[in-house]
Protein backbone atom coordinates (compact mmCIF):
# COMPACT_ATOMS: atom_id res chain seq x y z
CA MET A 1 57.56 17.73 -1.47
CA ASN A 2 59.01 16.66 -4.81
CA ASP A 3 59.66 13.08 -5.97
CA GLU A 4 63.35 13.18 -5.00
CA GLN A 5 62.51 14.32 -1.48
CA LEU A 6 59.83 11.67 -1.12
CA LEU A 7 62.43 9.05 -2.08
CA ARG A 8 65.20 10.49 0.12
CA TYR A 9 63.02 10.56 3.23
CA SER A 10 60.80 7.57 2.39
CA ARG A 11 61.98 5.43 5.31
CA GLN A 12 60.95 8.18 7.75
CA ILE A 13 57.74 9.10 5.97
CA MET A 14 56.47 5.53 6.25
CA LEU A 15 56.64 5.77 10.05
CA PRO A 16 53.14 6.47 11.43
CA SER A 17 54.56 8.91 14.00
CA ILE A 18 56.30 10.98 11.28
CA GLY A 19 54.51 10.70 7.94
CA ILE A 20 54.40 13.46 5.33
CA GLU A 21 53.23 16.00 7.88
CA GLY A 22 56.14 15.33 10.22
CA GLN A 23 58.65 15.42 7.38
CA GLU A 24 57.31 18.77 6.26
CA LYS A 25 57.67 20.07 9.83
CA LEU A 26 61.34 19.06 9.76
CA GLN A 27 61.86 20.83 6.44
CA GLN A 28 60.37 24.01 7.90
CA SER A 29 62.44 23.87 11.12
CA ARG A 30 65.41 25.96 12.15
CA VAL A 31 67.74 24.30 14.67
CA VAL A 32 70.69 26.01 16.35
CA ILE A 33 73.55 23.72 17.41
CA PHE A 34 76.06 25.01 19.95
CA GLY A 35 79.34 23.13 19.71
CA LEU A 36 80.50 21.09 16.71
CA GLY A 37 82.57 18.65 18.74
CA GLY A 38 81.88 15.11 19.88
CA LEU A 39 78.16 15.68 20.54
CA GLY A 40 77.36 18.33 17.97
CA SER A 41 78.98 16.38 15.13
CA PRO A 42 76.66 13.33 15.13
CA ALA A 43 73.67 15.45 16.11
CA ALA A 44 74.20 17.79 13.16
CA MET A 45 74.88 14.96 10.73
CA TYR A 46 71.72 13.06 11.65
CA LEU A 47 69.56 16.18 11.62
CA ALA A 48 70.86 17.13 8.17
CA ALA A 49 70.29 13.58 6.91
CA ALA A 50 66.79 13.51 8.42
CA GLY A 51 65.79 16.60 6.47
CA VAL A 52 65.83 19.49 8.94
CA GLY A 53 65.50 22.52 6.70
CA GLN A 54 67.96 24.88 8.36
CA LEU A 55 70.87 24.30 10.72
CA VAL A 56 72.78 27.10 12.43
CA LEU A 57 76.23 25.94 13.56
CA VAL A 58 77.83 27.89 16.40
CA ASP A 59 81.46 27.22 17.41
CA PHE A 60 84.53 29.50 17.52
CA ASP A 61 87.08 26.68 17.83
CA ARG A 62 89.32 25.15 15.16
CA VAL A 63 89.87 21.47 14.37
CA ASP A 64 92.80 19.91 16.22
CA LEU A 65 94.37 16.48 15.76
CA THR A 66 93.11 15.40 19.20
CA ASN A 67 89.52 16.08 18.09
CA LEU A 68 89.51 13.46 15.35
CA GLN A 69 89.15 10.48 17.70
CA ARG A 70 85.53 11.39 18.36
CA GLN A 71 84.40 14.49 16.42
CA ILE A 72 83.21 12.70 13.30
CA ALA A 73 82.12 15.76 11.32
CA HIS A 74 85.82 16.55 10.83
CA THR A 75 88.65 14.77 8.99
CA SER A 76 92.43 14.89 8.93
CA GLY A 77 92.17 17.38 6.09
CA SER A 78 90.12 19.67 8.34
CA ILE A 79 92.92 20.29 10.86
CA GLY A 80 93.33 24.03 11.36
CA GLN A 81 89.93 24.84 9.86
CA LEU A 82 87.14 26.46 11.83
CA LYS A 83 84.91 23.65 13.07
CA VAL A 84 81.82 25.32 11.64
CA ASP A 85 83.41 25.41 8.17
CA SER A 86 84.58 21.81 8.39
CA ALA A 87 81.16 20.66 9.61
CA ARG A 88 79.38 22.64 6.88
CA GLN A 89 81.35 20.75 4.21
CA THR A 90 80.40 17.42 5.78
CA LEU A 91 76.72 18.31 6.11
CA ARG A 92 76.48 19.58 2.55
CA ALA A 93 77.93 16.30 1.33
CA ILE A 94 75.29 14.40 3.35
CA ASN A 95 72.33 16.53 2.26
CA PRO A 96 72.75 19.46 -0.16
CA GLU A 97 69.14 20.52 0.53
CA CYS A 98 69.89 21.46 4.12
CA ARG A 99 70.46 25.21 4.47
CA ILE A 100 73.42 25.86 6.74
CA GLU A 101 74.48 29.03 8.52
CA THR A 102 77.70 29.28 10.49
CA ILE A 103 78.70 31.51 13.41
CA SER A 104 82.37 31.33 14.37
CA SER A 105 82.27 33.77 17.28
CA ARG A 106 81.24 33.45 20.90
CA LEU A 107 77.61 34.52 21.28
CA GLU A 108 76.72 36.40 24.43
CA GLY A 109 74.00 38.66 25.76
CA GLU A 110 71.55 40.01 23.20
CA GLU A 111 73.36 38.34 20.29
CA LEU A 112 72.83 34.96 21.94
CA ALA A 113 69.20 35.71 22.78
CA ARG A 114 68.48 36.95 19.24
CA GLU A 115 69.85 33.78 17.63
CA ILE A 116 67.93 31.53 19.98
CA ARG A 117 64.77 33.59 19.50
CA ARG A 118 64.85 32.73 15.79
CA ALA A 119 65.15 28.99 16.44
CA ASP A 120 62.52 26.29 16.67
CA LEU A 121 64.86 24.20 18.84
CA VAL A 122 68.37 24.41 20.32
CA ILE A 123 70.90 21.62 20.78
CA ASP A 124 73.63 22.15 23.37
CA GLY A 125 76.75 20.15 22.63
CA THR A 126 79.15 22.38 24.57
CA ASP A 127 81.47 21.26 27.34
CA ASN A 128 81.34 23.93 30.05
CA PHE A 129 78.75 25.16 32.53
CA THR A 130 79.19 28.85 31.69
CA THR A 131 78.01 28.34 28.13
CA ARG A 132 75.35 25.79 29.08
CA PHE A 133 73.83 28.12 31.67
CA ALA A 134 73.83 31.06 29.22
CA VAL A 135 72.18 29.00 26.46
CA ASN A 136 69.65 27.62 28.94
CA GLU A 137 68.76 31.09 30.22
CA ALA A 138 68.19 32.39 26.69
CA CYS A 139 66.02 29.36 25.89
CA VAL A 140 63.92 29.91 29.04
CA GLN A 141 63.53 33.64 28.32
CA ASN A 142 62.35 32.93 24.79
CA ARG A 143 60.52 29.65 25.56
CA ILE A 144 62.55 27.65 23.02
CA PRO A 145 63.02 23.88 23.52
CA LEU A 146 66.55 22.83 24.50
CA VAL A 147 68.05 19.37 24.00
CA SER A 148 71.02 19.08 26.35
CA GLY A 149 73.67 16.37 26.24
CA ALA A 150 76.93 15.63 28.02
CA ALA A 151 79.53 12.88 27.89
CA ILE A 152 82.80 12.26 29.71
CA ARG A 153 84.94 9.21 30.43
CA MET A 154 82.37 6.42 29.83
CA GLU A 155 79.27 8.19 31.11
CA GLY A 156 76.67 10.21 29.23
CA GLN A 157 73.36 11.97 29.75
CA VAL A 158 70.56 13.59 27.74
CA SER A 159 67.49 15.62 28.68
CA VAL A 160 64.95 17.89 27.00
CA PHE A 161 63.89 21.22 28.50
CA THR A 162 60.82 22.96 27.06
CA GLY A 163 61.57 26.47 28.29
CA GLN A 164 57.93 26.74 29.33
CA PRO A 165 56.71 28.06 32.72
CA GLY A 166 56.29 25.35 35.32
CA GLU A 167 58.77 23.00 33.65
CA PRO A 168 62.31 22.36 34.95
CA CYS A 169 65.22 23.97 33.13
CA TYR A 170 68.86 22.94 32.86
CA ARG A 171 69.84 25.08 35.84
CA CYS A 172 67.23 23.30 37.99
CA LEU A 173 69.37 20.20 37.46
CA TYR A 174 72.76 21.69 38.31
CA GLY A 175 72.11 24.85 40.31
CA SER A 176 75.33 26.80 40.77
CA ALA A 177 77.61 23.85 40.00
CA ALA A 178 79.94 25.72 37.65
CA GLU A 179 82.89 24.71 39.81
CA MET A 180 82.20 21.10 38.83
CA ASP A 181 83.30 21.73 35.20
CA GLU A 182 85.12 18.72 33.78
CA THR A 183 86.50 18.39 30.27
CA CYS A 184 87.38 15.51 27.99
CA SER A 185 90.91 16.88 27.64
CA ALA A 186 91.43 16.45 31.38
CA ASN A 187 89.41 13.28 31.97
CA GLY A 188 89.22 11.44 28.65
CA VAL A 189 86.22 10.05 26.79
CA LEU A 190 85.56 6.91 24.75
CA SER A 191 84.95 7.70 21.08
CA PRO A 192 81.59 5.92 20.46
CA LEU A 193 80.06 7.31 23.67
CA VAL A 194 79.74 10.83 22.28
CA GLY A 195 78.27 9.34 19.11
CA ILE A 196 75.58 7.58 21.13
CA ILE A 197 74.69 10.67 23.15
CA GLY A 198 74.77 13.01 20.15
CA SER A 199 72.54 10.62 18.22
CA VAL A 200 70.05 10.54 21.09
CA GLN A 201 70.05 14.35 21.05
CA ALA A 202 69.20 14.31 17.34
CA LEU A 203 66.45 11.75 17.97
CA GLU A 204 64.92 13.82 20.75
CA ALA A 205 65.10 16.94 18.59
CA ILE A 206 63.21 15.20 15.78
CA LYS A 207 60.58 13.99 18.25
CA VAL A 208 60.04 17.50 19.61
CA LEU A 209 59.90 19.10 16.15
CA THR A 210 57.42 16.54 14.79
CA SER A 211 55.44 15.95 18.01
CA ALA A 212 56.31 12.25 17.78
CA GLY A 213 56.37 9.95 20.78
CA THR A 214 57.35 11.08 24.27
CA PRO A 215 60.48 13.26 24.46
CA LEU A 216 62.74 13.30 27.52
CA ILE A 217 60.91 16.27 29.03
CA GLY A 218 61.27 16.27 32.81
CA ARG A 219 63.49 13.21 32.59
CA LEU A 220 67.26 12.69 32.60
CA LEU A 221 68.54 9.71 30.60
CA LEU A 222 71.84 8.38 31.97
CA LEU A 223 74.21 5.93 30.28
CA ASP A 224 76.96 3.96 32.01
CA ALA A 225 78.76 2.73 28.89
CA LEU A 226 81.25 0.62 30.84
CA GLU A 227 78.46 -1.59 32.15
CA MET A 228 76.10 -0.71 29.24
CA GLU A 229 73.31 0.28 31.62
CA TRP A 230 70.68 2.96 31.02
CA ARG A 231 68.78 4.73 33.80
CA THR A 232 66.10 7.41 33.73
CA LEU A 233 65.66 9.93 36.53
CA THR A 234 62.68 12.24 37.00
CA LEU A 235 63.52 15.94 37.05
CA LYS A 236 61.52 18.48 39.02
CA LYS A 237 61.48 22.24 38.83
CA ASP A 238 63.62 23.95 41.47
CA PRO A 239 61.43 26.70 43.00
CA ASP A 240 64.58 28.64 43.90
CA CYS A 241 66.24 28.25 40.48
CA LYS A 242 68.19 31.36 39.44
CA THR A 243 66.94 31.04 35.87
CA CYS A 244 63.30 29.97 36.05
CA GLY A 245 62.34 30.05 39.75
CA ASN A 246 61.96 32.53 42.57
CA GLY A 247 65.69 33.18 42.66
CA LYS A 248 65.91 34.24 39.01
CA ASN A 249 67.91 37.31 38.16
CA ASN A 250 66.11 38.09 34.90
CA PRO A 251 62.88 40.10 34.89
């Protein structure tokens, strides 16, 4: 690390759980972020600021006026732009050292698996079960850690899934609940809530990448923002899970 980097990241380096070794791990890490909306925006911004070496931004959507209430990587001048391009501009302004790749198409099948295979960690900031299940399955197949977050109305949740055998995966939590899909456009969401959840996702990602503290592995962190109450639930592997259990469809 050079003198400028030591100064930029000095407040993290002085933490016993991070130190020089942890900071170097961040610089060498490649993180894929799915969704550059309310969750992906703060997650990406904090990971870039913290010194993650490479971020891959995946989102095929464009910035809309209704996004600006909560998707803080974008500005009024970004309306009509691809979200990945808008977010790239913001992240480069925060930390020019962070290498940023953008993918503005929907990843599926082998393309999805190949991108996840190259990652050290994946952050899911999407808003539908179809994408979440696909990302989770690719993470399990390639044993890549997944930091999952969700927020709607005034409720949020975060968990970490290792992708390792014997550990629960995202599908263990929700099973075949795709019919439960709810969106912010239909139900609303309070602006700072997604910032809180996205920031927790970034925090958990840093902990996993640097082996600091105790990540939310096998635990689901729930926030009721209306009452400002946090709860933690223990997650267990579903033996009949279609992704990682006896009911799995993949070989």
